[in-house]
Amino acid sequence: MGITKSDLFTKKQNELAAMAKALAHPARIAILQYLLKTNSCVCGTLVDVLGLAQPTISQHLKELKQVGLIQGNIEGTSVCYCINHEKWTEYRSFFSTFFKELPEPSGECC
């Protein structure tokens, strides 16, 4: 979405859309599930776990890092990643609030 189009929406709407986009690929879901399961920093094992090429995994990690769901630090020659707990909690709250906005059915709908 172009910069002029994103200006039509609130900051929260743009953040929620960016988060949804980051979650919209099964490889990124698998990466997040693995990081959540291990509950620690992961260095270089994602290639073995997911069976994807290193450049592909790097691109998916970049997408997740851009929205803040994961964070990374350099250890020697590799970059280690883990869940960014603060951002994870923030987005969980965003999505929870978003999905709670659906009112109970009051009759027929289209």
C-alpha atoms as a PDB file:
ATOM      1  CA  MET A   1       0.000   0.000   0.000  1.00  0.00           C
ATOM      2  CA  GLY A   2       1.404   3.379  -0.989  1.00  0.00           C
ATOM      3  CA  ILE A   3       2.256   5.936   1.644  1.00  0.00           C
ATOM      4  CA  THR A   4      -0.623   8.186   0.578  1.00  0.00           C
ATOM      5  CA  LYS A   5      -3.133   5.333   0.914  1.00  0.00           C
ATOM      6  CA  SER A   6      -1.908   4.260   4.353  1.00  0.00           C
ATOM      7  CA  ASP A   7      -2.443   7.824   5.558  1.00  0.00           C
ATOM      8  CA  LEU A   8      -6.180   7.237   5.184  1.00  0.00           C
ATOM      9  CA  PHE A   9      -6.111   4.793   8.104  1.00  0.00           C
ATOM     10  CA  THR A  10      -5.255   5.041  11.781  1.00  0.00           C
ATOM     11  CA  LYS A  11      -1.898   4.000  13.147  1.00  0.00           C
ATOM     12  CA  LYS A  12      -3.520   0.988  14.856  1.00  0.00           C
ATOM     13  CA  GLN A  13      -5.210  -0.091  11.608  1.00  0.00           C
ATOM     14  CA  ASN A  14      -1.901   0.093   9.746  1.00  0.00           C
ATOM     15  CA  GLU A  15      -0.105  -1.829  12.502  1.00  0.00           C
ATOM     16  CA  LEU A  16      -2.764  -4.528  12.589  1.00  0.00           C
ATOM     17  CA  ALA A  17      -2.616  -4.875   8.800  1.00  0.00           C
ATOM     18  CA  ALA A  18       1.187  -5.148   8.880  1.00  0.00           C
ATOM     19  CA  MET A  19       0.954  -7.804  11.581  1.00  0.00           C
ATOM     20  CA  ALA A  20      -1.661  -9.757   9.638  1.00  0.00           C
ATOM     21  CA  LYS A  21       0.528  -9.575   6.541  1.00  0.00           C
ATOM     22  CA  ALA A  22       3.520 -10.866   8.500  1.00  0.00           C
ATOM     23  CA  LEU A  23       1.436 -13.801   9.729  1.00  0.00           C
ATOM     24  CA  ALA A  24       0.064 -14.545   6.260  1.00  0.00           C
ATOM     25  CA  HIS A  25       2.644 -17.152   5.297  1.00  0.00           C
ATOM     26  CA  PRO A  26       2.855 -20.706   6.666  1.00  0.00           C
ATOM     27  CA  ALA A  27       6.652 -20.556   6.917  1.00  0.00           C
ATOM     28  CA  ARG A  28       6.445 -17.542   9.209  1.00  0.00           C
ATOM     29  CA  ILE A  29       3.802 -19.263  11.309  1.00  0.00           C
ATOM     30  CA  ALA A  30       6.113 -22.300  11.580  1.00  0.00           C
ATOM     31  CA  ILE A  31       9.044 -20.081  12.575  1.00  0.00           C
ATOM     32  CA  LEU A  32       6.983 -18.388  15.283  1.00  0.00           C
ATOM     33  CA  GLN A  33       5.668 -21.717  16.565  1.00  0.00           C
ATOM     34  CA  TYR A  34       9.201 -23.081  16.772  1.00  0.00           C
ATOM     35  CA  LEU A  35      10.477 -19.993  18.602  1.00  0.00           C
ATOM     36  CA  LEU A  36       7.539 -20.160  21.003  1.00  0.00           C
ATOM     37  CA  LYS A  37       8.105 -23.862  21.627  1.00  0.00           C
ATOM     38  CA  THR A  38      11.824 -23.509  22.290  1.00  0.00           C
ATOM     39  CA  ASN A  39      11.315 -20.378  24.415  1.00  0.00           C
ATOM     40  CA  SER A  40      14.924 -19.343  23.890  1.00  0.00           C
ATOM     41  CA  CYS A  41      17.198 -17.788  21.305  1.00  0.00           C
ATOM     42  CA  VAL A  42      17.588 -19.904  18.196  1.00  0.00           C
ATOM     43  CA  CYS A  43      20.745 -19.729  16.127  1.00  0.00           C
ATOM     44  CA  GLY A  44      20.842 -21.314  12.681  1.00  0.00           C
ATOM     45  CA  THR A  45      18.715 -24.401  13.416  1.00  0.00           C
ATOM     46  CA  LEU A  46      15.698 -23.188  11.473  1.00  0.00           C
ATOM     47  CA  VAL A  47      17.049 -24.567   8.188  1.00  0.00           C
ATOM     48  CA  ASP A  48      17.185 -28.073   9.673  1.00  0.00           C
ATOM     49  CA  VAL A  49      13.820 -27.742  11.394  1.00  0.00           C
ATOM     50  CA  LEU A  50      11.816 -26.245   8.505  1.00  0.00           C
ATOM     51  CA  GLY A  51      13.619 -27.725   5.526  1.00  0.00           C
ATOM     52  CA  LEU A  52      13.719 -24.405   3.695  1.00  0.00           C
ATOM     53  CA  ALA A  53      16.770 -22.776   2.140  1.00  0.00           C
ATOM     54  CA  GLN A  54      18.733 -20.324   4.302  1.00  0.00           C
ATOM     55  CA  PRO A  55      17.950 -17.308   2.064  1.00  0.00           C
ATOM     56  CA  THR A  56      14.235 -18.130   2.243  1.00  0.00           C
ATOM     57  CA  ILE A  57      14.318 -18.371   6.017  1.00  0.00           C
ATOM     58  CA  SER A  58      16.314 -15.148   6.221  1.00  0.00           C
ATOM     59  CA  GLN A  59      13.634 -13.340   4.210  1.00  0.00           C
ATOM     60  CA  HIS A  60      10.882 -14.661   6.487  1.00  0.00           C
ATOM     61  CA  LEU A  61      12.867 -13.680   9.586  1.00  0.00           C
ATOM     62  CA  LYS A  62      13.288 -10.197   8.129  1.00  0.00           C
ATOM     63  CA  GLU A  63       9.513  -9.869   7.690  1.00  0.00           C
ATOM     64  CA  LEU A  64       8.859 -10.984  11.272  1.00  0.00           C
ATOM     65  CA  LYS A  65      11.546  -8.683  12.618  1.00  0.00           C
ATOM     66  CA  GLN A  66      10.171  -5.680  10.705  1.00  0.00           C
ATOM     67  CA  VAL A  67       6.854  -5.920  12.564  1.00  0.00           C
ATOM     68  CA  GLY A  68       8.675  -6.513  15.839  1.00  0.00           C
ATOM     69  CA  LEU A  69       7.423 -10.033  16.598  1.00  0.00           C
ATOM     70  CA  ILE A  70      10.952 -11.337  16.868  1.00  0.00           C
ATOM     71  CA  GLN A  71      14.239  -9.814  17.839  1.00  0.00           C
ATOM     72  CA  GLY A  72      17.729 -10.860  16.974  1.00  0.00           C
ATOM     73  CA  ASN A  73      21.249 -10.407  18.161  1.00  0.00           C
ATOM     74  CA  ILE A  74      24.584 -11.304  16.664  1.00  0.00           C
ATOM     75  CA  GLU A  75      26.533 -14.091  18.330  1.00  0.00           C
ATOM     76  CA  GLY A  76      29.799 -14.711  16.544  1.00  0.00           C
ATOM     77  CA  THR A  77      29.058 -15.272  12.869  1.00  0.00           C
ATOM     78  CA  SER A  78      25.362 -16.040  13.284  1.00  0.00           C
ATOM     79  CA  VAL A  79      22.253 -14.104  14.197  1.00  0.00           C
ATOM     80  CA  CYS A  80      20.113 -15.580  16.947  1.00  0.00           C
ATOM     81  CA  TYR A  81      16.379 -14.926  17.135  1.00  0.00           C
ATOM     82  CA  CYS A  82      13.725 -15.094  19.814  1.00  0.00           C
ATOM     83  CA  ILE A  83      10.192 -13.871  20.405  1.00  0.00           C
ATOM     84  CA  ASN A  84       9.901 -10.207  21.335  1.00  0.00           C
ATOM     85  CA  HIS A  85       7.623 -10.710  24.341  1.00  0.00           C
ATOM     86  CA  GLU A  86       6.645  -7.055  24.658  1.00  0.00           C
ATOM     87  CA  LYS A  87       5.526  -6.758  21.029  1.00  0.00           C
ATOM     88  CA  TRP A  88       3.912 -10.224  21.096  1.00  0.00           C
ATOM     89  CA  THR A  89       1.756  -9.170  24.067  1.00  0.00           C
ATOM     90  CA  GLU A  90       0.872  -5.895  22.360  1.00  0.00           C
ATOM     91  CA  TYR A  91      -0.285  -7.616  19.176  1.00  0.00           C
ATOM     92  CA  ARG A  92      -2.140 -10.307  21.080  1.00  0.00           C
ATOM     93  CA  SER A  93      -4.085  -7.497  22.720  1.00  0.00           C
ATOM     94  CA  PHE A  94      -4.686  -5.797  19.329  1.00  0.00           C
ATOM     95  CA  PHE A  95      -6.055  -8.982  17.763  1.00  0.00           C
ATOM     96  CA  SER A  96      -8.082  -9.887  20.829  1.00  0.00           C
ATOM     97  CA  THR A  97      -9.735  -6.475  20.838  1.00  0.00           C
ATOM     98  CA  PHE A  98     -10.279  -6.637  17.078  1.00  0.00           C
ATOM     99  CA  PHE A  99     -11.999 -10.030  17.215  1.00  0.00           C
ATOM    100  CA  LYS A 100     -14.128  -9.026  20.210  1.00  0.00           C
ATOM    101  CA  GLU A 101     -15.662  -6.220  18.129  1.00  0.00           C
ATOM    102  CA  LEU A 102     -18.073  -8.665  16.481  1.00  0.00           C
ATOM    103  CA  PRO A 103     -21.430  -8.227  18.186  1.00  0.00           C
ATOM    104  CA  GLU A 104     -23.611 -11.193  19.011  1.00  0.00           C
ATOM    105  CA  PRO A 105     -26.020 -11.998  16.181  1.00  0.00           C
ATOM    106  CA  SER A 106     -29.245 -10.076  16.565  1.00  0.00           C
ATOM    107  CA  GLY A 107     -31.165 -11.741  13.772  1.00  0.00           C
ATOM    108  CA  GLU A 108     -30.665 -12.548  10.174  1.00  0.00           C
ATOM    109  CA  CYS A 109     -27.706 -11.377   8.228  1.00  0.00           C
ATOM    110  CA  CYS A 110     -27.148 -11.430   4.484  1.00  0.00           C
END
